[in-house]
Amino acid sequence: MAKKILVIEDDKDIRDTIVYVLEEEQYEVIASDNARILKKLNNVEPDLILLDNWLTDWTSDANGQQLSKELKNDPATSHIPIIIISAVNNLKEIAEAGEADGYLKKPFDLIELVDIVKKHVK
């Protein structure tokens, strides 16, 4: 059974590229352009979440760091590895503050993407 990756990225080109690359690697990919899909996390049951740090249409002030921290502090979702994706310079600090399992700096190399996913999905 294919491992399931949830991709939350508001940039369509980046999202489509991630989906294409991961599907080529035989992952089942569920993609969303916003974080509302997190409300249905029990139905999705991902093995990994790739989470953009800045979601332009997110209606609250929450960003990827805050969403990651919420998920990591919820016993129902704390086991799911989270990788924060962003172009900001202090991404390592943002990922650590959000208790994420890792981070991927934009623009990223496709091999980097596959490597970080493989590292966190067993």
PDB file of N, CA and C in Angstrom:
ATOM      1  N   MET A   1       0.842  -1.192   0.000  1.00  0.00           N
ATOM      2  CA  MET A   1       0.000   0.000   0.000  1.00  0.00           C
ATOM      3  C   MET A   1       0.882   1.249   0.000  1.00  0.00           C
ATOM      4  N   ALA A   2       0.549   2.181  -0.862  1.00  0.00           N
ATOM      5  CA  ALA A   2       1.345   3.401  -1.015  1.00  0.00           C
ATOM      6  C   ALA A   2       1.235   4.268   0.233  1.00  0.00           C
ATOM      7  N   LYS A   3       2.335   4.873   0.593  1.00  0.00           N
ATOM      8  CA  LYS A   3       2.336   5.843   1.692  1.00  0.00           C
ATOM      9  C   LYS A   3       1.663   7.124   1.206  1.00  0.00           C
ATOM     10  N   LYS A   4       0.948   7.769   2.110  1.00  0.00           N
ATOM     11  CA  LYS A   4       0.134   8.927   1.756  1.00  0.00           C
ATOM     12  C   LYS A   4       0.791  10.221   2.228  1.00  0.00           C
ATOM     13  N   ILE A   5       0.968  11.150   1.291  1.00  0.00           N
ATOM     14  CA  ILE A   5       1.573  12.439   1.584  1.00  0.00           C
ATOM     15  C   ILE A   5       0.523  13.528   1.384  1.00  0.00           C
ATOM     16  N   LEU A   6       0.360  14.373   2.383  1.00  0.00           N
ATOM     17  CA  LEU A   6      -0.536  15.528   2.280  1.00  0.00           C
ATOM     18  C   LEU A   6       0.318  16.754   1.981  1.00  0.00           C
ATOM     19  N   VAL A   7       0.021  17.410   0.862  1.00  0.00           N
ATOM     20  CA  VAL A   7       0.756  18.602   0.445  1.00  0.00           C
ATOM     21  C   VAL A   7      -0.170  19.801   0.577  1.00  0.00           C
ATOM     22  N   ILE A   8       0.232  20.768   1.407  1.00  0.00           N
ATOM     23  CA  ILE A   8      -0.545  21.999   1.572  1.00  0.00           C
ATOM     24  C   ILE A   8       0.350  23.144   1.097  1.00  0.00           C
ATOM     25  N   GLU A   9       0.053  23.617  -0.107  1.00  0.00           N
ATOM     26  CA  GLU A   9       0.881  24.636  -0.772  1.00  0.00           C
ATOM     27  C   GLU A   9      -0.037  25.487  -1.631  1.00  0.00           C
ATOM     28  N   ASP A  10      -0.021  26.818  -1.433  1.00  0.00           N
ATOM     29  CA  ASP A  10      -0.942  27.685  -2.173  1.00  0.00           C
ATOM     30  C   ASP A  10      -0.446  28.053  -3.568  1.00  0.00           C
ATOM     31  N   ASP A  11       0.837  27.871  -3.845  1.00  0.00           N
ATOM     32  CA  ASP A  11       1.362  28.164  -5.181  1.00  0.00           C
ATOM     33  C   ASP A  11       1.109  26.952  -6.081  1.00  0.00           C
ATOM     34  N   LYS A  12       0.237  27.138  -7.083  1.00  0.00           N
ATOM     35  CA  LYS A  12      -0.192  26.023  -7.924  1.00  0.00           C
ATOM     36  C   LYS A  12       0.974  25.334  -8.631  1.00  0.00           C
ATOM     37  N   ASP A  13       1.909  26.098  -9.160  1.00  0.00           N
ATOM     38  CA  ASP A  13       3.040  25.487  -9.872  1.00  0.00           C
ATOM     39  C   ASP A  13       3.894  24.629  -8.944  1.00  0.00           C
ATOM     40  N   ILE A  14       4.175  25.143  -7.761  1.00  0.00           N
ATOM     41  CA  ILE A  14       4.966  24.372  -6.799  1.00  0.00           C
ATOM     42  C   ILE A  14       4.193  23.135  -6.358  1.00  0.00           C
ATOM     43  N   ARG A  15       2.908  23.320  -6.052  1.00  0.00           N
ATOM     44  CA  ARG A  15       2.067  22.199  -5.623  1.00  0.00           C
ATOM     45  C   ARG A  15       2.023  21.116  -6.691  1.00  0.00           C
ATOM     46  N   ASP A  16       1.781  21.516  -7.940  1.00  0.00           N
ATOM     47  CA  ASP A  16       1.707  20.540  -9.031  1.00  0.00           C
ATOM     48  C   ASP A  16       3.032  19.805  -9.222  1.00  0.00           C
ATOM     49  N   THR A  17       4.145  20.517  -9.069  1.00  0.00           N
ATOM     50  CA  THR A  17       5.457  19.893  -9.209  1.00  0.00           C
ATOM     51  C   THR A  17       5.684  18.859  -8.106  1.00  0.00           C
ATOM     52  N   ILE A  18       5.364  19.233  -6.868  1.00  0.00           N
ATOM     53  CA  ILE A  18       5.527  18.298  -5.745  1.00  0.00           C
ATOM     54  C   ILE A  18       4.674  17.054  -5.966  1.00  0.00           C
ATOM     55  N   VAL A  19       3.415  17.254  -6.356  1.00  0.00           N
ATOM     56  CA  VAL A  19       2.514  16.125  -6.594  1.00  0.00           C
ATOM     57  C   VAL A  19       3.081  15.211  -7.676  1.00  0.00           C
ATOM     58  N   TYR A  20       3.516  15.793  -8.779  1.00  0.00           N
ATOM     59  CA  TYR A  20       4.052  15.005  -9.892  1.00  0.00           C
ATOM     60  C   TYR A  20       5.256  14.180  -9.450  1.00  0.00           C
ATOM     61  N   VAL A  21       6.208  14.824  -8.795  1.00  0.00           N
ATOM     62  CA  VAL A  21       7.431  14.136  -8.380  1.00  0.00           C
ATOM     63  C   VAL A  21       7.127  13.010  -7.393  1.00  0.00           C
ATOM     64  N   LEU A  22       6.267  13.279  -6.419  1.00  0.00           N
ATOM     65  CA  LEU A  22       5.981  12.255  -5.409  1.00  0.00           C
ATOM     66  C   LEU A  22       5.146  11.109  -5.980  1.00  0.00           C
ATOM     67  N   GLU A  23       4.242  11.412  -6.903  1.00  0.00           N
ATOM     68  CA  GLU A  23       3.491  10.326  -7.543  1.00  0.00           C
ATOM     69  C   GLU A  23       4.421   9.451  -8.384  1.00  0.00           C
ATOM     70  N   GLU A  24       5.425  10.050  -9.011  1.00  0.00           N
ATOM     71  CA  GLU A  24       6.418   9.279  -9.762  1.00  0.00           C
ATOM     72  C   GLU A  24       7.199   8.340  -8.835  1.00  0.00           C
ATOM     73  N   GLU A  25       7.307   8.737  -7.564  1.00  0.00           N
ATOM     74  CA  GLU A  25       7.999   7.918  -6.556  1.00  0.00           C
ATOM     75  C   GLU A  25       7.042   6.915  -5.897  1.00  0.00           C
ATOM     76  N   GLN A  26       5.843   6.800  -6.445  1.00  0.00           N
ATOM     77  CA  GLN A  26       4.837   5.825  -6.004  1.00  0.00           C
ATOM     78  C   GLN A  26       4.167   6.169  -4.670  1.00  0.00           C
ATOM     79  N   TYR A  27       4.144   7.453  -4.318  1.00  0.00           N
ATOM     80  CA  TYR A  27       3.395   7.885  -3.141  1.00  0.00           C
ATOM     81  C   TYR A  27       1.980   8.252  -3.567  1.00  0.00           C
ATOM     82  N   GLU A  28       1.034   8.065  -2.660  1.00  0.00           N
ATOM     83  CA  GLU A  28      -0.310   8.594  -2.870  1.00  0.00           C
ATOM     84  C   GLU A  28      -0.277  10.024  -2.350  1.00  0.00           C
ATOM     85  N   VAL A  29      -0.667  10.987  -3.186  1.00  0.00           N
ATOM     86  CA  VAL A  29      -0.552  12.390  -2.808  1.00  0.00           C
ATOM     87  C   VAL A  29      -1.922  13.047  -2.779  1.00  0.00           C
ATOM     88  N   ILE A  30      -2.205  13.711  -1.676  1.00  0.00           N
ATOM     89  CA  ILE A  30      -3.409  14.523  -1.553  1.00  0.00           C
ATOM     90  C   ILE A  30      -2.912  15.960  -1.460  1.00  0.00           C
ATOM     91  N   ALA A  31      -3.386  16.818  -2.345  1.00  0.00           N
ATOM     92  CA  ALA A  31      -2.901  18.191  -2.388  1.00  0.00           C
ATOM     93  C   ALA A  31      -4.031  19.172  -2.102  1.00  0.00           C
ATOM     94  N   SER A  32      -3.663  20.240  -1.409  1.00  0.00           N
ATOM     95  CA  SER A  32      -4.630  21.287  -1.094  1.00  0.00           C
ATOM     96  C   SER A  32      -3.936  22.639  -1.212  1.00  0.00           C
ATOM     97  N   ASP A  33      -4.708  23.642  -1.632  1.00  0.00           N
ATOM     98  CA  ASP A  33      -4.128  24.978  -1.727  1.00  0.00           C
ATOM     99  C   ASP A  33      -4.346  25.784  -0.450  1.00  0.00           C
ATOM    100  N   ASN A  34      -4.948  25.149   0.563  1.00  0.00           N
ATOM    101  CA  ASN A  34      -5.165  25.845   1.830  1.00  0.00           C
ATOM    102  C   ASN A  34      -5.182  24.852   2.987  1.00  0.00           C
ATOM    103  N   ALA A  35      -5.139  25.375   4.194  1.00  0.00           N
ATOM    104  CA  ALA A  35      -5.021  24.533   5.390  1.00  0.00           C
ATOM    105  C   ALA A  35      -6.357  24.008   5.898  1.00  0.00           C
ATOM    106  N   ARG A  36      -7.449  24.361   5.238  1.00  0.00           N
ATOM    107  CA  ARG A  36      -8.751  23.862   5.711  1.00  0.00           C
ATOM    108  C   ARG A  36      -8.828  22.338   5.695  1.00  0.00           C
ATOM    109  N   ILE A  37      -8.033  21.711   4.840  1.00  0.00           N
ATOM    110  CA  ILE A  37      -8.030  20.247   4.774  1.00  0.00           C
ATOM    111  C   ILE A  37      -7.594  19.634   6.112  1.00  0.00           C
ATOM    112  N   LEU A  38      -6.886  20.408   6.929  1.00  0.00           N
ATOM    113  CA  LEU A  38      -6.451  19.891   8.230  1.00  0.00           C
ATOM    114  C   LEU A  38      -7.639  19.564   9.133  1.00  0.00           C
ATOM    115  N   LYS A  39      -8.787  20.192   8.877  1.00  0.00           N
ATOM    116  CA  LYS A  39      -9.987  19.882   9.652  1.00  0.00           C
ATOM    117  C   LYS A  39     -10.489  18.462   9.353  1.00  0.00           C
ATOM    118  N   LYS A  40     -10.065  17.899   8.212  1.00  0.00           N
ATOM    119  CA  LYS A  40     -10.477  16.552   7.811  1.00  0.00           C
ATOM    120  C   LYS A  40      -9.327  15.553   7.941  1.00  0.00           C
ATOM    121  N   LEU A  41      -8.361  15.857   8.781  1.00  0.00           N
ATOM    122  CA  LEU A  41      -7.162  15.034   8.889  1.00  0.00           C
ATOM    123  C   LEU A  41      -7.466  13.581   9.255  1.00  0.00           C
ATOM    124  N   ASN A  42      -8.508  13.363  10.057  1.00  0.00           N
ATOM    125  CA  ASN A  42      -8.869  11.991  10.428  1.00  0.00           C
ATOM    126  C   ASN A  42      -9.281  11.174   9.209  1.00  0.00           C
ATOM    127  N   ASN A  43      -9.896  11.813   8.221  1.00  0.00           N
ATOM    128  CA  ASN A  43     -10.300  11.107   7.000  1.00  0.00           C
ATOM    129  C   ASN A  43      -9.115  10.880   6.071  1.00  0.00           C
ATOM    130  N   VAL A  44      -8.170  11.815   6.065  1.00  0.00           N
ATOM    131  CA  VAL A  44      -7.034  11.751   5.149  1.00  0.00           C
ATOM    132  C   VAL A  44      -5.985  10.752   5.644  1.00  0.00           C
ATOM    133  N   GLU A  45      -5.680  10.790   6.941  1.00  0.00           N
ATOM    134  CA  GLU A  45      -4.687   9.921   7.579  1.00  0.00           C
ATOM    135  C   GLU A  45      -3.359   9.871   6.816  1.00  0.00           C
ATOM    136  N   PRO A  46      -2.686  11.012   6.684  1.00  0.00           N
ATOM    137  CA  PRO A  46      -1.427  11.034   5.935  1.00  0.00           C
ATOM    138  C   PRO A  46      -0.274  10.419   6.730  1.00  0.00           C
ATOM    139  N   ASP A  47       0.736   9.941   6.004  1.00  0.00           N
ATOM    140  CA  ASP A  47       1.969   9.449   6.618  1.00  0.00           C
ATOM    141  C   ASP A  47       2.984  10.578   6.766  1.00  0.00           C
ATOM    142  N   LEU A  48       2.725  11.706   6.085  1.00  0.00           N
ATOM    143  CA  LEU A  48       3.607  12.871   6.127  1.00  0.00           C
ATOM    144  C   LEU A  48       2.823  14.083   5.641  1.00  0.00           C
ATOM    145  N   ILE A  49       3.130  15.249   6.228  1.00  0.00           N
ATOM    146  CA  ILE A  49       2.529  16.501   5.765  1.00  0.00           C
ATOM    147  C   ILE A  49       3.645  17.434   5.304  1.00  0.00           C
ATOM    148  N   LEU A  50       3.527  17.910   4.061  1.00  0.00           N
ATOM    149  CA  LEU A  50       4.399  18.967   3.543  1.00  0.00           C
ATOM    150  C   LEU A  50       3.587  20.249   3.626  1.00  0.00           C
ATOM    151  N   LEU A  51       4.038  21.195   4.435  1.00  0.00           N
ATOM    152  CA  LEU A  51       3.227  22.357   4.790  1.00  0.00           C
ATOM    153  C   LEU A  51       3.949  23.659   4.449  1.00  0.00           C
ATOM    154  N   ASP A  52       3.355  24.427   3.551  1.00  0.00           N
ATOM    155  CA  ASP A  52       3.889  25.754   3.226  1.00  0.00           C
ATOM    156  C   ASP A  52       3.758  26.637   4.466  1.00  0.00           C
ATOM    157  N   ASN A  53       4.774  27.445   4.745  1.00  0.00           N
ATOM    158  CA  ASN A  53       4.703  28.293   5.935  1.00  0.00           C
ATOM    159  C   ASN A  53       3.779  29.490   5.745  1.00  0.00           C
ATOM    160  N   TRP A  54       3.648  29.999   4.516  1.00  0.00           N
ATOM    161  CA  TRP A  54       2.785  31.152   4.281  1.00  0.00           C
ATOM    162  C   TRP A  54       1.686  30.784   3.298  1.00  0.00           C
ATOM    163  N   LEU A  55       0.501  30.610   3.806  1.00  0.00           N
ATOM    164  CA  LEU A  55      -0.659  30.285   2.965  1.00  0.00           C
ATOM    165  C   LEU A  55      -1.468  31.555   2.798  1.00  0.00           C
ATOM    166  N   THR A  56      -1.498  32.087   1.587  1.00  0.00           N
ATOM    167  CA  THR A  56      -2.072  33.409   1.366  1.00  0.00           C
ATOM    168  C   THR A  56      -3.567  33.498   1.666  1.00  0.00           C
ATOM    169  N   ASP A  57      -4.297  32.403   1.501  1.00  0.00           N
ATOM    170  CA  ASP A  57      -5.741  32.522   1.713  1.00  0.00           C
ATOM    171  C   ASP A  57      -6.185  31.994   3.072  1.00  0.00           C
ATOM    172  N   TRP A  58      -5.253  31.700   3.935  1.00  0.00           N
ATOM    173  CA  TRP A  58      -5.618  31.245   5.281  1.00  0.00           C
ATOM    174  C   TRP A  58      -6.273  32.411   5.993  1.00  0.00           C
ATOM    175  N   THR A  59      -7.461  32.220   6.534  1.00  0.00           N
ATOM    176  CA  THR A  59      -8.260  33.330   7.042  1.00  0.00           C
ATOM    177  C   THR A  59      -7.827  33.820   8.422  1.00  0.00           C
ATOM    178  N   SER A  60      -7.103  33.015   9.162  1.00  0.00           N
ATOM    179  CA  SER A  60      -6.637  33.490  10.461  1.00  0.00           C
ATOM    180  C   SER A  60      -5.197  33.972  10.321  1.00  0.00           C
ATOM    181  N   ASP A  61      -4.591  34.308  11.422  1.00  0.00           N
ATOM    182  CA  ASP A  61      -3.194  34.724  11.401  1.00  0.00           C
ATOM    183  C   ASP A  61      -2.247  33.534  11.480  1.00  0.00           C
ATOM    184  N   ALA A  62      -2.796  32.343  11.546  1.00  0.00           N
ATOM    185  CA  ALA A  62      -1.960  31.146  11.687  1.00  0.00           C
ATOM    186  C   ALA A  62      -1.108  30.940  10.436  1.00  0.00           C
ATOM    187  N   ASN A  63       0.125  30.536  10.672  1.00  0.00           N
ATOM    188  CA  ASN A  63       0.996  30.191   9.555  1.00  0.00           C
ATOM    189  C   ASN A  63       1.418  28.731   9.717  1.00  0.00           C
ATOM    190  N   GLY A  64       2.269  28.270   8.829  1.00  0.00           N
ATOM    191  CA  GLY A  64       2.685  26.875   8.882  1.00  0.00           C
ATOM    192  C   GLY A  64       3.315  26.506  10.214  1.00  0.00           C
ATOM    193  N   GLN A  65       4.109  27.421  10.760  1.00  0.00           N
ATOM    194  CA  GLN A  65       4.746  27.166  12.054  1.00  0.00           C
ATOM    195  C   GLN A  65       3.706  26.925  13.144  1.00  0.00           C
ATOM    196  N   GLN A  66       2.689  27.787  13.207  1.00  0.00           N
ATOM    197  CA  GLN A  66       1.657  27.641  14.237  1.00  0.00           C
ATOM    198  C   GLN A  66       0.807  26.396  14.002  1.00  0.00           C
ATOM    199  N   LEU A  67       0.472  26.122  12.736  1.00  0.00           N
ATOM    200  CA  LEU A  67      -0.312  24.927  12.424  1.00  0.00           C
ATOM    201  C   LEU A  67       0.463  23.667  12.786  1.00  0.00           C
ATOM    202  N   SER A  68       1.752  23.662  12.484  1.00  0.00           N
ATOM    203  CA  SER A  68       2.602  22.526  12.820  1.00  0.00           C
ATOM    204  C   SER A  68       2.619  22.297  14.328  1.00  0.00           C
ATOM    205  N   LYS A  69       2.797  23.374  15.072  1.00  0.00           N
ATOM    206  CA  LYS A  69       2.845  23.258  16.536  1.00  0.00           C
ATOM    207  C   LYS A  69       1.529  22.722  17.095  1.00  0.00           C
ATOM    208  N   GLU A  70       0.404  23.201  16.552  1.00  0.00           N
ATOM    209  CA  GLU A  70      -0.907  22.695  16.985  1.00  0.00           C
ATOM    210  C   GLU A  70      -1.016  21.196  16.726  1.00  0.00           C
ATOM    211  N   LEU A  71      -0.610  20.760  15.529  1.00  0.00           N
ATOM    212  CA  LEU A  71      -0.693  19.340  15.180  1.00  0.00           C
ATOM    213  C   LEU A  71       0.230  18.503  16.060  1.00  0.00           C
ATOM    214  N   LYS A  72       1.412  19.008  16.346  1.00  0.00           N
ATOM    215  CA  LYS A  72       2.382  18.274  17.161  1.00  0.00           C
ATOM    216  C   LYS A  72       1.948  18.190  18.629  1.00  0.00           C
ATOM    217  N   ASN A  73       1.128  19.141  19.078  1.00  0.00           N
ATOM    218  CA  ASN A  73       0.661  19.137  20.467  1.00  0.00           C
ATOM    219  C   ASN A  73      -0.685  18.444  20.645  1.00  0.00           C
ATOM    220  N   ASP A  74      -1.243  17.921  19.562  1.00  0.00           N
ATOM    221  CA  ASP A  74      -2.503  17.185  19.616  1.00  0.00           C
ATOM    222  C   ASP A  74      -2.164  15.688  19.594  1.00  0.00           C
ATOM    223  N   PRO A  75      -2.520  14.954  20.638  1.00  0.00           N
ATOM    224  CA  PRO A  75      -2.182  13.526  20.682  1.00  0.00           C
ATOM    225  C   PRO A  75      -2.680  12.730  19.469  1.00  0.00           C
ATOM    226  N   ALA A  76      -3.762  13.196  18.852  1.00  0.00           N
ATOM    227  CA  ALA A  76      -4.316  12.478  17.698  1.00  0.00           C
ATOM    228  C   ALA A  76      -3.461  12.644  16.443  1.00  0.00           C
ATOM    229  N   THR A  77      -2.652  13.720  16.369  1.00  0.00           N
ATOM    230  CA  THR A  77      -1.875  13.990  15.157  1.00  0.00           C
ATOM    231  C   THR A  77      -0.375  14.145  15.414  1.00  0.00           C
ATOM    232  N   SER A  78       0.051  14.042  16.661  1.00  0.00           N
ATOM    233  CA  SER A  78       1.459  14.311  16.994  1.00  0.00           C
ATOM    234  C   SER A  78       2.434  13.341  16.334  1.00  0.00           C
ATOM    235  N   HIS A  79       1.947  12.177  15.924  1.00  0.00           N
ATOM    236  CA  HIS A  79       2.821  11.159  15.310  1.00  0.00           C
ATOM    237  C   HIS A  79       3.118  11.423  13.831  1.00  0.00           C
ATOM    238  N   ILE A  80       2.373  12.333  13.213  1.00  0.00           N
ATOM    239  CA  ILE A  80       2.531  12.579  11.773  1.00  0.00           C
ATOM    240  C   ILE A  80       3.737  13.486  11.550  1.00  0.00           C
ATOM    241  N   PRO A  81       4.731  13.048  10.762  1.00  0.00           N
ATOM    242  CA  PRO A  81       5.863  13.926  10.459  1.00  0.00           C
ATOM    243  C   PRO A  81       5.404  15.131   9.636  1.00  0.00           C
ATOM    244  N   ILE A  82       5.962  16.303   9.965  1.00  0.00           N
ATOM    245  CA  ILE A  82       5.619  17.536   9.266  1.00  0.00           C
ATOM    246  C   ILE A  82       6.906  18.174   8.757  1.00  0.00           C
ATOM    247  N   ILE A  83       6.904  18.542   7.468  1.00  0.00           N
ATOM    248  CA  ILE A  83       8.005  19.259   6.851  1.00  0.00           C
ATOM    249  C   ILE A  83       7.465  20.624   6.439  1.00  0.00           C
ATOM    250  N   ILE A  84       8.058  21.696   6.959  1.00  0.00           N
ATOM    251  CA  ILE A  84       7.637  23.049   6.591  1.00  0.00           C
ATOM    252  C   ILE A  84       8.448  23.493   5.373  1.00  0.00           C
ATOM    253  N   ILE A  85       7.740  24.059   4.398  1.00  0.00           N
ATOM    254  CA  ILE A  85       8.363  24.535   3.163  1.00  0.00           C
ATOM    255  C   ILE A  85       8.236  26.054   3.116  1.00  0.00           C
ATOM    256  N   SER A  86       9.357  26.738   2.830  1.00  0.00           N
ATOM    257  CA  SER A  86       9.307  28.197   2.745  1.00  0.00           C
ATOM    258  C   SER A  86      10.582  28.729   2.115  1.00  0.00           C
ATOM    259  N   ALA A  87      10.524  29.985   1.690  1.00  0.00           N
ATOM    260  CA  ALA A  87      11.699  30.646   1.129  1.00  0.00           C
ATOM    261  C   ALA A  87      12.358  31.587   2.135  1.00  0.00           C
ATOM    262  N   VAL A  88      11.834  31.674   3.343  1.00  0.00           N
ATOM    263  CA  VAL A  88      12.383  32.607   4.330  1.00  0.00           C
ATOM    264  C   VAL A  88      13.785  32.197   4.769  1.00  0.00           C
ATOM    265  N   ASN A  89      14.568  33.172   5.191  1.00  0.00           N
ATOM    266  CA  ASN A  89      15.956  32.907   5.594  1.00  0.00           C
ATOM    267  C   ASN A  89      16.066  32.143   6.908  1.00  0.00           C
ATOM    268  N   ASN A  90      15.124  32.367   7.826  1.00  0.00           N
ATOM    269  CA  ASN A  90      15.204  31.731   9.144  1.00  0.00           C
ATOM    270  C   ASN A  90      14.325  30.475   9.229  1.00  0.00           C
ATOM    271  N   LEU A  91      14.286  29.711   8.146  1.00  0.00           N
ATOM    272  CA  LEU A  91      13.398  28.550   8.075  1.00  0.00           C
ATOM    273  C   LEU A  91      13.715  27.508   9.142  1.00  0.00           C
ATOM    274  N   LYS A  92      14.983  27.296   9.423  1.00  0.00           N
ATOM    275  CA  LYS A  92      15.352  26.304  10.446  1.00  0.00           C
ATOM    276  C   LYS A  92      14.725  26.688  11.791  1.00  0.00           C
ATOM    277  N   GLU A  93      14.816  27.951  12.169  1.00  0.00           N
ATOM    278  CA  GLU A  93      14.249  28.423  13.430  1.00  0.00           C
ATOM    279  C   GLU A  93      12.720  28.306  13.429  1.00  0.00           C
ATOM    280  N   ILE A  94      12.107  28.644  12.291  1.00  0.00           N
ATOM    281  CA  ILE A  94      10.645  28.541  12.174  1.00  0.00           C
ATOM    282  C   ILE A  94      10.210  27.090  12.348  1.00  0.00           C
ATOM    283  N   ALA A  95      10.906  26.172  11.684  1.00  0.00           N
ATOM    284  CA  ALA A  95      10.571  24.747  11.782  1.00  0.00           C
ATOM    285  C   ALA A  95      10.744  24.256  13.216  1.00  0.00           C
ATOM    286  N   GLU A  96      11.824  24.655  13.857  1.00  0.00           N
ATOM    287  CA  GLU A  96      12.057  24.236  15.250  1.00  0.00           C
ATOM    288  C   GLU A  96      10.983  24.783  16.176  1.00  0.00           C
ATOM    289  N   ALA A  97      10.632  26.056  16.011  1.00  0.00           N
ATOM    290  CA  ALA A  97       9.600  26.668  16.854  1.00  0.00           C
ATOM    291  C   ALA A  97       8.239  26.004  16.629  1.00  0.00           C
ATOM    292  N   GLY A  98       8.010  25.524  15.410  1.00  0.00           N
ATOM    293  CA  GLY A  98       6.764  24.841  15.106  1.00  0.00           C
ATOM    294  C   GLY A  98       6.786  23.355  15.420  1.00  0.00           C
ATOM    295  N   GLU A  99       7.911  22.908  16.000  1.00  0.00           N
ATOM    296  CA  GLU A  99       8.087  21.497  16.356  1.00  0.00           C
ATOM    297  C   GLU A  99       7.976  20.576  15.147  1.00  0.00           C
ATOM    298  N   ALA A 100       8.264  21.119  13.961  1.00  0.00           N
ATOM    299  CA  ALA A 100       8.221  20.316  12.733  1.00  0.00           C
ATOM    300  C   ALA A 100       9.378  19.316  12.741  1.00  0.00           C
ATOM    301  N   ASP A 101       9.223  18.274  11.953  1.00  0.00           N
ATOM    302  CA  ASP A 101      10.249  17.231  11.871  1.00  0.00           C
ATOM    303  C   ASP A 101      11.367  17.606  10.913  1.00  0.00           C
ATOM    304  N   GLY A 102      11.118  18.603  10.075  1.00  0.00           N
ATOM    305  CA  GLY A 102      12.136  19.028   9.127  1.00  0.00           C
ATOM    306  C   GLY A 102      11.651  20.227   8.346  1.00  0.00           C
ATOM    307  N   TYR A 103      12.470  20.665   7.396  1.00  0.00           N
ATOM    308  CA  TYR A 103      12.112  21.815   6.580  1.00  0.00           C
ATOM    309  C   TYR A 103      12.769  21.676   5.218  1.00  0.00           C
ATOM    310  N   LEU A 104      12.176  22.370   4.258  1.00  0.00           N
ATOM    311  CA  LEU A 104      12.664  22.352   2.884  1.00  0.00           C
ATOM    312  C   LEU A 104      12.617  23.782   2.376  1.00  0.00           C
ATOM    313  N   LYS A 105      13.783  24.318   2.021  1.00  0.00           N
ATOM    314  CA  LYS A 105      13.874  25.725   1.607  1.00  0.00           C
ATOM    315  C   LYS A 105      13.585  25.865   0.117  1.00  0.00           C
ATOM    316  N   LYS A 106      12.684  26.803  -0.207  1.00  0.00           N
ATOM    317  CA  LYS A 106      12.393  27.124  -1.608  1.00  0.00           C
ATOM    318  C   LYS A 106      13.448  28.089  -2.119  1.00  0.00           C
ATOM    319  N   PRO A 107      13.857  28.010  -3.364  1.00  0.00           N
ATOM    320  CA  PRO A 107      13.513  26.939  -4.299  1.00  0.00           C
ATOM    321  C   PRO A 107      14.299  25.684  -3.936  1.00  0.00           C
ATOM    322  N   PHE A 108      13.662  24.540  -4.051  1.00  0.00           N
ATOM    323  CA  PHE A 108      14.332  23.301  -3.672  1.00  0.00           C
ATOM    324  C   PHE A 108      14.602  22.447  -4.895  1.00  0.00           C
ATOM    325  N   ASP A 109      15.583  21.611  -4.747  1.00  0.00           N
ATOM    326  CA  ASP A 109      15.936  20.643  -5.773  1.00  0.00           C
ATOM    327  C   ASP A 109      14.978  19.453  -5.639  1.00  0.00           C
ATOM    328  N   LEU A 110      14.548  18.878  -6.740  1.00  0.00           N
ATOM    329  CA  LEU A 110      13.588  17.777  -6.683  1.00  0.00           C
ATOM    330  C   LEU A 110      14.165  16.564  -5.958  1.00  0.00           C
ATOM    331  N   ILE A 111      15.466  16.365  -6.062  1.00  0.00           N
ATOM    332  CA  ILE A 111      16.107  15.256  -5.338  1.00  0.00           C
ATOM    333  C   ILE A 111      16.040  15.512  -3.833  1.00  0.00           C
ATOM    334  N   GLU A 112      16.213  16.781  -3.435  1.00  0.00           N
ATOM    335  CA  GLU A 112      16.077  17.149  -2.019  1.00  0.00           C
ATOM    336  C   GLU A 112      14.677  16.808  -1.509  1.00  0.00           C
ATOM    337  N   LEU A 113      13.676  17.125  -2.318  1.00  0.00           N
ATOM    338  CA  LEU A 113      12.286  16.840  -1.966  1.00  0.00           C
ATOM    339  C   LEU A 113      12.096  15.345  -1.721  1.00  0.00           C
ATOM    340  N   VAL A 114      12.519  14.532  -2.669  1.00  0.00           N
ATOM    341  CA  VAL A 114      12.355  13.078  -2.553  1.00  0.00           C
ATOM    342  C   VAL A 114      13.130  12.554  -1.341  1.00  0.00           C
ATOM    343  N   ASP A 115      14.347  13.065  -1.141  1.00  0.00           N
ATOM    344  CA  ASP A 115      15.179  12.595  -0.027  1.00  0.00           C
ATOM    345  C   ASP A 115      14.540  12.883   1.326  1.00  0.00           C
ATOM    346  N   ILE A 116      13.995  14.095   1.505  1.00  0.00           N
ATOM    347  CA  ILE A 116      13.409  14.431   2.802  1.00  0.00           C
ATOM    348  C   ILE A 116      12.129  13.631   3.046  1.00  0.00           C
ATOM    349  N   VAL A 117      11.367  13.376   1.998  1.00  0.00           N
ATOM    350  CA  VAL A 117      10.162  12.565   2.144  1.00  0.00           C
ATOM    351  C   VAL A 117      10.557  11.132   2.540  1.00  0.00           C
ATOM    352  N   LYS A 118      11.520  10.561   1.846  1.00  0.00           N
ATOM    353  CA  LYS A 118      11.964   9.188   2.149  1.00  0.00           C
ATOM    354  C   LYS A 118      12.520   9.092   3.574  1.00  0.00           C
ATOM    355  N   LYS A 119      13.191  10.147   4.007  1.00  0.00           N
ATOM    356  CA  LYS A 119      13.768  10.151   5.350  1.00  0.00           C
ATOM    357  C   LYS A 119      12.690  10.056   6.426  1.00  0.00           C
ATOM    358  N   HIS A 120      11.533  10.684   6.180  1.00  0.00           N
ATOM    359  CA  HIS A 120      10.490  10.765   7.200  1.00  0.00           C
ATOM    360  C   HIS A 120       9.328   9.793   7.009  1.00  0.00           C
ATOM    361  N   VAL A 121       9.290   9.112   5.889  1.00  0.00           N
ATOM    362  CA  VAL A 121       8.211   8.140   5.642  1.00  0.00           C
ATOM    363  C   VAL A 121       8.839   6.756   5.557  1.00  0.00           C
ATOM    364  N   LYS A 122       8.523   5.940   6.511  1.00  0.00           N
ATOM    365  CA  LYS A 122       9.095   4.588   6.548  1.00  0.00           C
ATOM    366  C   LYS A 122       8.124   3.576   5.994  1.00  0.00           C
TER     367      LYS A 122
END
